[in-house]
Structures are given as C-alpha cells and as structure tokens.
Amino acid sequence: MKKYKKKINFDVCTFCNHACDFCSNPDKRTKKAKTSYKDFMQAMDNVLTYVSTDELGLSAKGEVCLNEDLEAIIWHCKHIYKIPYVYISSNGALMNPARAKALLQSGLDSIKFSINAIDPLHYKAIHGRDDFQKVIDNFYALLTLKEQEFPHLKLFISSVLTPYNTQDPKNAFLKIFGKRAYLINAILPYKRVITHKEHLTGGG
C-alpha cells in the first residue's frame, strides 16, 4: 500500500488553563477533551497505516500540559513509531522544571511557548491569568536544560500582537533572557486583525 507523506498535528488536549482574549478556546462551543495514551495509540496506528510522517505536533487549541499522559504519548511516538521530530506548543505556566525534564527525557524535540506580552500587567490582560513571571522562569529553566543536558532541543517563543502587545517583542525577550537568550531558536511575532470594537475601546 502506498503511503502519503504528511506533517501531522494531533491535538491531545483541548482544555486550557488560560483564557487569551484573541483565542477561540474559551468559547463554550469549543469541545473540550483529552486524548488518553490508549486512545492515542489506537488512532495513530490507524493513521500511520495510510500516512508516513517525519513531523508530529501534539498541540493546537488547548494547553497540552493538562494531559497527564503526555510523556507516555511522546515516548511512544519517538520509540515505537520512530517519528524523527515531535513538538508541542504551550503557554508554559504548567511546565515547571521537573515536568519539562520529564517531557525531554521522553524524547520531545521542540517546545514553543506562547508569551503574548512582555510585562506582567499586559500579560494578565491578554492571558486572563497572572502567570507572567512563572512562565518566564519556566522558559529560562528550559534554556538551562538545553545548555546543560539537551543540546538538540529547539526552543521558540511566539507572541501574538494585540492592542496590549503592539510592538515587536524580539528585543524585549532577548533582554529578559539575557545570557541564555542565544539558545532560543526563534522569536516569532504574529500579526492579528484588530476588530472595530478594539479600535474604539483600545482593548479586547
């Protein structure tokens, strides 16, 4: 049987611990679910019958760290399916150093933090949570892990430009992470269309 080669994204958790003002996740119409290790294997066994892949993402709309089976899912992807590049995106609030190390030991290749402000006040306005310093500390711990134990790890920061976050955040994050900023693979600002209401009110 001929297999199609595709990049695959499998969102293993659509619950989220944040409520970003630009995201559709807080909408009650968004279906919330977690994929168990068992269900993931069953689904991916079926997918991989018809598709081959070199890249697998495990997150999209939710906060992937809310899935307690994440480490087992990553391990299976790397050691059983032999997928070369497995990556996640996260808001980072739950990725403390112990959780981060467990994910990396499972074989995770890349992590992108979504940090959509460069200071605590605007972060809370955008994310709906007062987690700015926690997220910064968690990302700094990842940079340390990369420097000391996991040199292959790719680390990214994405930052959606909103009325609360209107400038290019690259220089700000380089300054925040100081001497370890060179370990960041890329800082990615994303433009967003501002609604008429936001133009009038200056906010979300």
C-alpha atoms as a PDB file:
ATOM      1  CA  MET A   1       0.000   0.000   0.000  1.00  0.00           C
ATOM      2  CA  LYS A   2       1.312   3.423  -0.972  1.00  0.00           C
ATOM      3  CA  LYS A   3       1.563   5.802   1.975  1.00  0.00           C
ATOM      4  CA  TYR A   4       1.170   9.554   1.676  1.00  0.00           C
ATOM      5  CA  LYS A   5       3.871  11.593   3.412  1.00  0.00           C
ATOM      6  CA  LYS A   6       2.382  14.357   5.541  1.00  0.00           C
ATOM      7  CA  LYS A   7       3.076  16.529   8.542  1.00  0.00           C
ATOM      8  CA  ILE A   8       0.602  15.501  11.235  1.00  0.00           C
ATOM      9  CA  ASN A   9      -0.904  17.546  14.052  1.00  0.00           C
ATOM     10  CA  PHE A  10      -2.796  15.609  16.720  1.00  0.00           C
ATOM     11  CA  ASP A  11      -4.274  17.879  19.404  1.00  0.00           C
ATOM     12  CA  VAL A  12      -4.169  15.693  22.524  1.00  0.00           C
ATOM     13  CA  CYS A  13      -5.821  18.244  24.829  1.00  0.00           C
ATOM     14  CA  THR A  14      -8.345  20.993  24.116  1.00  0.00           C
ATOM     15  CA  PHE A  15      -8.762  22.093  27.728  1.00  0.00           C
ATOM     16  CA  CYS A  16      -6.829  25.241  28.652  1.00  0.00           C
ATOM     17  CA  ASN A  17      -5.763  26.900  31.895  1.00  0.00           C
ATOM     18  CA  HIS A  18      -5.617  30.356  30.272  1.00  0.00           C
ATOM     19  CA  ALA A  19      -8.268  32.481  28.562  1.00  0.00           C
ATOM     20  CA  CYS A  20      -6.409  34.561  25.979  1.00  0.00           C
ATOM     21  CA  ASP A  21      -8.500  37.386  24.576  1.00  0.00           C
ATOM     22  CA  PHE A  22      -7.640  36.524  20.946  1.00  0.00           C
ATOM     23  CA  CYS A  23      -8.294  32.764  21.226  1.00  0.00           C
ATOM     24  CA  SER A  24     -11.487  30.861  20.477  1.00  0.00           C
ATOM     25  CA  ASN A  25     -10.755  28.227  23.125  1.00  0.00           C
ATOM     26  CA  PRO A  26     -12.723  29.950  25.935  1.00  0.00           C
ATOM     27  CA  ASP A  27     -15.825  29.884  23.728  1.00  0.00           C
ATOM     28  CA  LYS A  28     -18.314  27.431  25.257  1.00  0.00           C
ATOM     29  CA  ARG A  29     -18.901  25.962  21.800  1.00  0.00           C
ATOM     30  CA  THR A  30     -15.327  24.654  21.714  1.00  0.00           C
ATOM     31  CA  LYS A  31     -15.421  20.938  22.526  1.00  0.00           C
ATOM     32  CA  LYS A  32     -13.125  20.077  25.434  1.00  0.00           C
ATOM     33  CA  ALA A  33     -11.416  16.695  25.654  1.00  0.00           C
ATOM     34  CA  LYS A  34      -8.159  14.913  26.484  1.00  0.00           C
ATOM     35  CA  THR A  35      -6.776  12.006  24.481  1.00  0.00           C
ATOM     36  CA  SER A  36      -5.611   9.115  26.647  1.00  0.00           C
ATOM     37  CA  TYR A  37      -2.466   7.161  25.838  1.00  0.00           C
ATOM     38  CA  LYS A  38      -4.587   4.155  24.834  1.00  0.00           C
ATOM     39  CA  ASP A  39      -6.868   6.179  22.550  1.00  0.00           C
ATOM     40  CA  PHE A  40      -3.893   7.965  21.021  1.00  0.00           C
ATOM     41  CA  MET A  41      -2.224   4.692  20.109  1.00  0.00           C
ATOM     42  CA  GLN A  42      -5.401   3.330  18.543  1.00  0.00           C
ATOM     43  CA  ALA A  43      -5.937   6.474  16.477  1.00  0.00           C
ATOM     44  CA  MET A  44      -2.317   6.831  15.374  1.00  0.00           C
ATOM     45  CA  ASP A  45      -1.999   3.145  14.495  1.00  0.00           C
ATOM     46  CA  ASN A  46      -4.848   3.712  12.067  1.00  0.00           C
ATOM     47  CA  VAL A  47      -3.439   6.987  10.686  1.00  0.00           C
ATOM     48  CA  LEU A  48       0.036   5.549  10.171  1.00  0.00           C
ATOM     49  CA  THR A  49      -1.422   2.697   8.134  1.00  0.00           C
ATOM     50  CA  TYR A  50      -2.055   5.229   5.350  1.00  0.00           C
ATOM     51  CA  VAL A  51       0.319   8.122   6.117  1.00  0.00           C
ATOM     52  CA  SER A  52       4.005   8.374   6.939  1.00  0.00           C
ATOM     53  CA  THR A  53       5.465  11.379   8.706  1.00  0.00           C
ATOM     54  CA  ASP A  54       8.724  12.950   9.816  1.00  0.00           C
ATOM     55  CA  GLU A  55       6.984  15.602  11.934  1.00  0.00           C
ATOM     56  CA  LEU A  56       4.252  15.311  14.536  1.00  0.00           C
ATOM     57  CA  GLY A  57       2.712  18.151  16.550  1.00  0.00           C
ATOM     58  CA  LEU A  58       0.736  17.263  19.679  1.00  0.00           C
ATOM     59  CA  SER A  59      -0.979  20.568  20.396  1.00  0.00           C
ATOM     60  CA  ALA A  60      -3.188  23.148  18.722  1.00  0.00           C
ATOM     61  CA  LYS A  61      -6.050  24.846  20.518  1.00  0.00           C
ATOM     62  CA  GLY A  62      -5.616  23.696  24.138  1.00  0.00           C
ATOM     63  CA  GLU A  63      -2.896  23.501  26.778  1.00  0.00           C
ATOM     64  CA  VAL A  64      -1.063  20.257  26.124  1.00  0.00           C
ATOM     65  CA  CYS A  65       0.447  20.062  29.629  1.00  0.00           C
ATOM     66  CA  LEU A  66      -3.015  19.406  31.060  1.00  0.00           C
ATOM     67  CA  ASN A  67      -2.811  15.932  29.523  1.00  0.00           C
ATOM     68  CA  GLU A  68      -1.349  13.623  32.194  1.00  0.00           C
ATOM     69  CA  ASP A  69      -0.444  11.032  29.519  1.00  0.00           C
ATOM     70  CA  LEU A  70       1.706  13.433  27.520  1.00  0.00           C
ATOM     71  CA  GLU A  71       5.039  11.876  28.462  1.00  0.00           C
ATOM     72  CA  ALA A  72       3.817   8.380  27.541  1.00  0.00           C
ATOM     73  CA  ILE A  73       2.423   9.647  24.238  1.00  0.00           C
ATOM     74  CA  ILE A  74       5.726  11.348  23.356  1.00  0.00           C
ATOM     75  CA  TRP A  75       7.734   8.249  24.326  1.00  0.00           C
ATOM     76  CA  HIS A  76       5.556   6.062  22.087  1.00  0.00           C
ATOM     77  CA  CYS A  77       5.925   8.476  19.167  1.00  0.00           C
ATOM     78  CA  LYS A  78       9.702   8.521  19.452  1.00  0.00           C
ATOM     79  CA  HIS A  79      10.478   4.924  20.402  1.00  0.00           C
ATOM     80  CA  ILE A  80       7.703   2.872  18.785  1.00  0.00           C
ATOM     81  CA  TYR A  81       6.633   4.992  15.791  1.00  0.00           C
ATOM     82  CA  LYS A  82      10.203   6.314  15.352  1.00  0.00           C
ATOM     83  CA  ILE A  83       8.983   9.789  14.344  1.00  0.00           C
ATOM     84  CA  PRO A  84      12.089  11.999  13.948  1.00  0.00           C
ATOM     85  CA  TYR A  85      10.596  15.319  15.071  1.00  0.00           C
ATOM     86  CA  VAL A  86       7.896  15.633  17.747  1.00  0.00           C
ATOM     87  CA  TYR A  87       6.915  19.076  19.006  1.00  0.00           C
ATOM     88  CA  ILE A  88       4.434  20.929  21.204  1.00  0.00           C
ATOM     89  CA  SER A  89       3.222  24.460  21.847  1.00  0.00           C
ATOM     90  CA  SER A  90       2.329  25.580  25.364  1.00  0.00           C
ATOM     91  CA  ASN A  91       1.544  28.704  27.348  1.00  0.00           C
ATOM     92  CA  GLY A  92       4.254  27.424  29.700  1.00  0.00           C
ATOM     93  CA  ALA A  93       2.537  28.046  33.024  1.00  0.00           C
ATOM     94  CA  LEU A  94       2.434  24.334  33.920  1.00  0.00           C
ATOM     95  CA  MET A  95       5.845  23.424  32.509  1.00  0.00           C
ATOM     96  CA  ASN A  96       7.896  23.650  35.665  1.00  0.00           C
ATOM     97  CA  PRO A  97      11.482  22.305  35.560  1.00  0.00           C
ATOM     98  CA  ALA A  98      10.501  18.797  36.718  1.00  0.00           C
ATOM     99  CA  ARG A  99       7.725  18.462  34.104  1.00  0.00           C
ATOM    100  CA  ALA A 100       9.954  19.909  31.405  1.00  0.00           C
ATOM    101  CA  LYS A 101      12.729  17.419  32.134  1.00  0.00           C
ATOM    102  CA  ALA A 102      10.268  14.518  32.082  1.00  0.00           C
ATOM    103  CA  LEU A 103       8.983  15.609  28.657  1.00  0.00           C
ATOM    104  CA  LEU A 104      12.506  15.918  27.291  1.00  0.00           C
ATOM    105  CA  GLN A 105      13.536  12.543  28.689  1.00  0.00           C
ATOM    106  CA  SER A 106      10.541  11.081  26.861  1.00  0.00           C
ATOM    107  CA  GLY A 107      12.125  12.298  23.617  1.00  0.00           C
ATOM    108  CA  LEU A 108      10.447  15.632  22.851  1.00  0.00           C
ATOM    109  CA  ASP A 109      12.367  17.562  20.179  1.00  0.00           C
ATOM    110  CA  SER A 110      10.855  21.050  20.257  1.00  0.00           C
ATOM    111  CA  ILE A 111       8.822  23.355  22.506  1.00  0.00           C
ATOM    112  CA  LYS A 112       7.223  26.664  21.635  1.00  0.00           C
ATOM    113  CA  PHE A 113       5.984  28.956  24.409  1.00  0.00           C
ATOM    114  CA  SER A 114       3.140  31.339  23.612  1.00  0.00           C
ATOM    115  CA  ILE A 115       4.001  34.516  25.550  1.00  0.00           C
ATOM    116  CA  ASN A 116       1.797  37.336  24.346  1.00  0.00           C
ATOM    117  CA  ALA A 117       3.105  40.277  26.363  1.00  0.00           C
ATOM    118  CA  ILE A 118       6.433  41.497  27.689  1.00  0.00           C
ATOM    119  CA  ASP A 119       5.334  42.583  31.181  1.00  0.00           C
ATOM    120  CA  PRO A 120       3.031  41.211  33.932  1.00  0.00           C
ATOM    121  CA  LEU A 121       0.276  43.825  33.636  1.00  0.00           C
ATOM    122  CA  HIS A 122      -0.323  43.368  29.920  1.00  0.00           C
ATOM    123  CA  TYR A 123       0.194  39.604  30.186  1.00  0.00           C
ATOM    124  CA  LYS A 124      -2.690  39.325  32.646  1.00  0.00           C
ATOM    125  CA  ALA A 125      -4.885  41.470  30.401  1.00  0.00           C
ATOM    126  CA  ILE A 126      -4.241  39.173  27.438  1.00  0.00           C
ATOM    127  CA  HIS A 127      -3.964  35.730  29.043  1.00  0.00           C
ATOM    128  CA  GLY A 128      -6.523  36.273  31.786  1.00  0.00           C
ATOM    129  CA  ARG A 129      -4.028  34.857  34.317  1.00  0.00           C
ATOM    130  CA  ASP A 130      -1.271  36.399  36.423  1.00  0.00           C
ATOM    131  CA  ASP A 131       1.372  33.879  35.303  1.00  0.00           C
ATOM    132  CA  PHE A 132       3.943  36.085  33.565  1.00  0.00           C
ATOM    133  CA  GLN A 133       6.860  35.536  35.954  1.00  0.00           C
ATOM    134  CA  LYS A 134       6.086  31.829  36.307  1.00  0.00           C
ATOM    135  CA  VAL A 135       6.190  31.424  32.512  1.00  0.00           C
ATOM    136  CA  ILE A 136       9.423  33.398  32.194  1.00  0.00           C
ATOM    137  CA  ASP A 137      11.038  31.288  34.948  1.00  0.00           C
ATOM    138  CA  ASN A 138       9.860  28.056  33.286  1.00  0.00           C
ATOM    139  CA  PHE A 139      11.262  29.075  29.908  1.00  0.00           C
ATOM    140  CA  TYR A 140      14.565  30.096  31.493  1.00  0.00           C
ATOM    141  CA  ALA A 141      14.719  26.642  33.103  1.00  0.00           C
ATOM    142  CA  LEU A 142      14.234  25.112  29.641  1.00  0.00           C
ATOM    143  CA  LEU A 143      17.112  27.190  28.307  1.00  0.00           C
ATOM    144  CA  THR A 144      19.263  25.851  31.143  1.00  0.00           C
ATOM    145  CA  LEU A 145      18.222  22.262  30.374  1.00  0.00           C
ATOM    146  CA  LYS A 146      19.105  22.812  26.732  1.00  0.00           C
ATOM    147  CA  GLU A 147      22.506  24.231  27.617  1.00  0.00           C
ATOM    148  CA  GLN A 148      23.385  21.507  30.117  1.00  0.00           C
ATOM    149  CA  GLU A 149      21.631  18.283  29.026  1.00  0.00           C
ATOM    150  CA  PHE A 150      19.564  18.515  25.826  1.00  0.00           C
ATOM    151  CA  PRO A 151      21.551  20.424  23.173  1.00  0.00           C
ATOM    152  CA  HIS A 152      19.348  19.069  20.346  1.00  0.00           C
ATOM    153  CA  LEU A 153      16.248  20.774  21.805  1.00  0.00           C
ATOM    154  CA  LYS A 154      14.650  23.503  19.694  1.00  0.00           C
ATOM    155  CA  LEU A 155      13.060  26.336  21.676  1.00  0.00           C
ATOM    156  CA  PHE A 156      10.756  29.008  20.283  1.00  0.00           C
ATOM    157  CA  ILE A 157       8.649  31.883  21.566  1.00  0.00           C
ATOM    158  CA  SER A 158       5.527  33.033  19.741  1.00  0.00           C
ATOM    159  CA  SER A 159       3.873  36.335  20.581  1.00  0.00           C
ATOM    160  CA  VAL A 160       0.574  37.484  19.097  1.00  0.00           C
ATOM    161  CA  LEU A 161       0.482  41.234  18.520  1.00  0.00           C
ATOM    162  CA  THR A 162      -2.671  42.649  20.131  1.00  0.00           C
ATOM    163  CA  PRO A 163      -3.751  46.096  21.381  1.00  0.00           C
ATOM    164  CA  TYR A 164      -1.919  45.173  24.618  1.00  0.00           C
ATOM    165  CA  ASN A 165       1.139  43.890  22.778  1.00  0.00           C
ATOM    166  CA  THR A 166       1.738  46.136  19.783  1.00  0.00           C
ATOM    167  CA  GLN A 167       5.495  46.195  19.413  1.00  0.00           C
ATOM    168  CA  ASP A 168       7.895  43.597  18.072  1.00  0.00           C
ATOM    169  CA  PRO A 169       8.728  41.611  21.225  1.00  0.00           C
ATOM    170  CA  LYS A 170      12.007  40.163  19.960  1.00  0.00           C
ATOM    171  CA  ASN A 171      14.362  42.647  21.610  1.00  0.00           C
ATOM    172  CA  ALA A 172      12.354  42.574  24.831  1.00  0.00           C
ATOM    173  CA  PHE A 173      12.629  38.795  25.154  1.00  0.00           C
ATOM    174  CA  LEU A 174      16.316  38.841  24.265  1.00  0.00           C
ATOM    175  CA  LYS A 175      16.818  41.259  27.141  1.00  0.00           C
ATOM    176  CA  ILE A 176      14.609  39.271  29.543  1.00  0.00           C
ATOM    177  CA  PHE A 177      16.530  36.028  28.974  1.00  0.00           C
ATOM    178  CA  GLY A 178      19.926  37.689  28.995  1.00  0.00           C
ATOM    179  CA  LYS A 179      22.993  35.490  28.655  1.00  0.00           C
ATOM    180  CA  ARG A 180      20.955  32.402  27.697  1.00  0.00           C
ATOM    181  CA  ALA A 181      18.913  34.143  25.004  1.00  0.00           C
ATOM    182  CA  TYR A 182      21.301  32.811  22.345  1.00  0.00           C
ATOM    183  CA  LEU A 183      19.791  29.366  22.991  1.00  0.00           C
ATOM    184  CA  ILE A 184      16.373  30.476  21.666  1.00  0.00           C
ATOM    185  CA  ASN A 185      15.962  29.227  18.090  1.00  0.00           C
ATOM    186  CA  ALA A 186      13.479  31.939  17.090  1.00  0.00           C
ATOM    187  CA  ILE A 187      11.120  34.570  18.496  1.00  0.00           C
ATOM    188  CA  LEU A 188       8.031  34.752  16.301  1.00  0.00           C
ATOM    189  CA  PRO A 189       5.637  37.715  16.405  1.00  0.00           C
ATOM    190  CA  TYR A 190       2.259  37.089  14.779  1.00  0.00           C
ATOM    191  CA  LYS A 191       0.011  39.840  13.495  1.00  0.00           C
ATOM    192  CA  ARG A 192      -3.679  39.796  14.294  1.00  0.00           C
ATOM    193  CA  VAL A 193      -6.539  41.632  12.650  1.00  0.00           C
ATOM    194  CA  ILE A 194      -7.894  44.178  15.120  1.00  0.00           C
ATOM    195  CA  THR A 195     -11.682  44.344  15.323  1.00  0.00           C
ATOM    196  CA  HIS A 196     -13.664  47.577  15.069  1.00  0.00           C
ATOM    197  CA  LYS A 197     -14.626  47.246  18.737  1.00  0.00           C
ATOM    198  CA  GLU A 198     -10.970  47.010  19.772  1.00  0.00           C
ATOM    199  CA  HIS A 199     -10.095  50.111  17.739  1.00  0.00           C
ATOM    200  CA  LEU A 200     -12.796  52.004  19.634  1.00  0.00           C
ATOM    201  CA  THR A 201     -12.012  50.695  23.142  1.00  0.00           C
ATOM    202  CA  GLY A 202      -8.260  50.062  22.894  1.00  0.00           C
ATOM    203  CA  GLY A 203      -8.704  46.564  24.304  1.00  0.00           C
ATOM    204  CA  GLY A 204     -10.178  43.116  23.788  1.00  0.00           C
END
